[in-house]
Amino acid sequence: MTEYERSRTMPALPEHIFDQAAHVDQLETWLPQDLHVNAGDLPAVTVHEDRTDEDTSALFRAQRDQMRLEWGTRDQGSYAGWLQVAGIGSGASEVTVHLSFFDDSHDPGEKAVRDALESSLQRLEEQVRLRVDNAAG
């Protein structure tokens, strides 16, 4: 099993970040650009990966009371992940994303995962900023 984790401090309340991240119809605005999520009967979703042109049955759960998202493959159990939002005061939050690959054949490698996590956190911060700015003005 291989695990990866990245964190990022964002200048927004945890509720704003969580609400943006958990909106299943807007996951593509911050997930790696080659992943597309189609919501089924939640928690069931289908994830399409452009790189492999494959669809994978997956699960997606949002737990607002814990400010936590969890996801993973449904049938083969080869991959899982979570996102946790924690308020750190002064209107800022820390967002942590954790990925676990239980099957090494599904692990794209440390550099690819590190780059994808960093890009995803940056895109999530941009989406939150757009949402907060639009709500304020």
Protein backbone atom coordinates (compact mmCIF):
# COMPACT_ATOMS: atom_id res chain seq x y z
CA MET A 1 0.00 0.00 0.00
CA THR A 2 1.20 3.49 -0.87
CA GLU A 3 -0.12 6.66 0.77
CA TYR A 4 0.18 10.32 -0.11
CA GLU A 5 -0.92 13.44 1.72
CA ARG A 6 -0.81 17.19 1.08
CA SER A 7 -2.15 20.14 3.05
CA ARG A 8 -2.82 23.75 2.16
CA THR A 9 -3.88 26.75 4.21
CA MET A 10 -6.73 28.67 2.60
CA PRO A 11 -8.06 32.13 3.53
CA ALA A 12 -11.68 31.03 3.98
CA LEU A 13 -14.00 29.62 6.61
CA PRO A 14 -14.09 25.81 6.78
CA GLU A 15 -17.81 25.76 5.90
CA HIS A 16 -17.17 27.65 2.65
CA ILE A 17 -14.39 25.29 1.63
CA PHE A 18 -16.30 22.17 2.57
CA ASP A 19 -19.45 23.28 0.73
CA GLN A 20 -17.45 23.92 -2.44
CA ALA A 21 -15.49 20.67 -2.21
CA ALA A 22 -18.52 18.51 -1.38
CA HIS A 23 -20.76 19.67 -4.24
CA VAL A 24 -20.71 16.48 -6.31
CA ASP A 25 -21.75 18.25 -9.53
CA GLN A 26 -18.77 20.60 -9.21
CA LEU A 27 -16.03 18.12 -8.28
CA GLU A 28 -14.44 18.57 -11.70
CA THR A 29 -13.68 22.20 -10.87
CA TRP A 30 -10.98 21.09 -8.45
CA LEU A 31 -10.21 17.40 -9.06
CA PRO A 32 -7.34 16.47 -11.36
CA GLN A 33 -8.34 17.55 -14.84
CA ASP A 34 -8.36 14.03 -16.28
CA LEU A 35 -11.03 12.81 -13.80
CA HIS A 36 -14.77 13.25 -14.33
CA VAL A 37 -17.36 12.23 -11.73
CA ASN A 38 -20.91 11.27 -12.63
CA ALA A 39 -23.20 11.06 -9.63
CA GLY A 40 -25.48 8.08 -9.48
CA ASP A 41 -27.56 7.22 -6.47
CA LEU A 42 -25.23 8.69 -3.85
CA PRO A 43 -22.99 7.54 -2.39
CA ALA A 44 -22.51 5.65 -5.69
CA VAL A 45 -20.65 7.54 -8.42
CA THR A 46 -18.83 6.66 -11.62
CA VAL A 47 -15.39 8.11 -12.25
CA HIS A 48 -14.10 8.44 -15.81
CA GLU A 49 -10.36 8.78 -16.25
CA ASP A 50 -9.27 10.35 -19.54
CA ARG A 51 -5.76 8.87 -19.30
CA THR A 52 -7.05 5.30 -19.43
CA ASP A 53 -10.47 6.06 -20.99
CA GLU A 54 -12.01 3.83 -18.32
CA ASP A 55 -15.04 4.19 -16.06
CA THR A 56 -14.73 3.01 -12.47
CA SER A 57 -17.50 2.40 -9.95
CA ALA A 58 -16.77 4.42 -6.84
CA LEU A 59 -18.27 5.81 -3.64
CA PHE A 60 -18.38 9.45 -2.51
CA ARG A 61 -19.50 10.53 0.95
CA ALA A 62 -19.69 14.02 2.39
CA GLN A 63 -19.90 14.34 6.17
CA ARG A 64 -20.59 17.99 6.88
CA ASP A 65 -20.68 17.55 10.65
CA GLN A 66 -17.04 16.38 10.43
CA MET A 67 -16.02 18.63 7.49
CA ARG A 68 -14.82 15.47 5.75
CA LEU A 69 -15.16 13.91 2.31
CA GLU A 70 -14.37 10.26 1.67
CA TRP A 71 -14.16 8.39 -1.61
CA GLY A 72 -12.85 5.19 -3.09
CA THR A 73 -13.29 2.47 -5.65
CA ARG A 74 -16.36 0.37 -5.06
CA ASP A 75 -15.76 -3.03 -6.65
CA GLN A 76 -12.04 -3.67 -6.62
CA GLY A 77 -11.08 -1.73 -3.47
CA SER A 78 -7.80 -0.56 -5.01
CA TYR A 79 -7.98 3.11 -4.07
CA ALA A 80 -9.40 5.41 -1.36
CA GLY A 81 -9.03 8.98 -0.27
CA TRP A 82 -10.30 11.68 2.01
CA LEU A 83 -10.34 15.44 2.34
CA GLN A 84 -10.50 17.10 5.74
CA VAL A 85 -11.17 20.80 6.38
CA ALA A 86 -10.19 22.33 9.72
CA GLY A 87 -10.60 25.90 10.85
CA ILE A 88 -7.38 27.43 12.17
CA GLY A 89 -8.73 30.82 13.27
CA SER A 90 -8.87 34.31 11.77
CA GLY A 91 -11.10 33.11 8.93
CA ALA A 92 -8.51 30.65 7.61
CA SER A 93 -8.61 26.88 7.24
CA GLU A 94 -6.28 24.00 6.60
CA VAL A 95 -7.33 21.51 3.94
CA THR A 96 -5.69 18.09 3.88
CA VAL A 97 -6.09 15.51 1.12
CA HIS A 98 -4.98 11.93 1.69
CA LEU A 99 -4.80 9.16 -0.93
CA SER A 100 -4.24 5.44 -0.37
CA PHE A 101 -3.44 3.01 -3.19
CA PHE A 102 -4.01 -0.57 -2.04
CA ASP A 103 -3.03 -1.97 -5.45
CA ASP A 104 0.33 -0.72 -6.75
CA SER A 105 -0.86 -1.04 -10.35
CA HIS A 106 -3.27 1.86 -9.72
CA ASP A 107 -0.59 4.13 -8.21
CA PRO A 108 0.56 6.60 -10.90
CA GLY A 109 3.75 7.34 -8.95
CA GLU A 110 4.89 9.87 -6.38
CA LYS A 111 5.58 12.79 -8.73
CA ALA A 112 2.27 12.44 -10.58
CA VAL A 113 0.28 12.16 -7.34
CA ARG A 114 2.15 15.01 -5.65
CA ASP A 115 1.56 17.27 -8.66
CA ALA A 116 -2.12 16.27 -8.86
CA LEU A 117 -2.69 16.90 -5.15
CA GLU A 118 -0.99 20.30 -5.28
CA SER A 119 -2.93 21.30 -8.40
CA SER A 120 -6.22 20.09 -6.92
CA LEU A 121 -5.73 22.05 -3.71
CA GLN A 122 -4.82 25.15 -5.69
CA ARG A 123 -7.90 24.78 -7.92
CA LEU A 124 -10.12 24.23 -4.86
CA GLU A 125 -8.76 27.42 -3.29
CA GLU A 126 -9.49 29.32 -6.53
CA GLN A 127 -13.06 27.98 -6.62
CA VAL A 128 -13.64 28.93 -2.98
CA ARG A 129 -12.25 32.40 -3.60
CA LEU A 130 -14.56 32.87 -6.61
CA ARG A 131 -17.56 31.71 -4.62
CA VAL A 132 -16.79 33.90 -1.60
CA ASP A 133 -16.02 36.95 -3.79
CA ASN A 134 -19.28 36.49 -5.74
CA ALA A 135 -21.29 36.15 -2.53
CA ALA A 136 -19.71 39.29 -1.08
CA GLY A 137 -20.22 41.53 -4.03
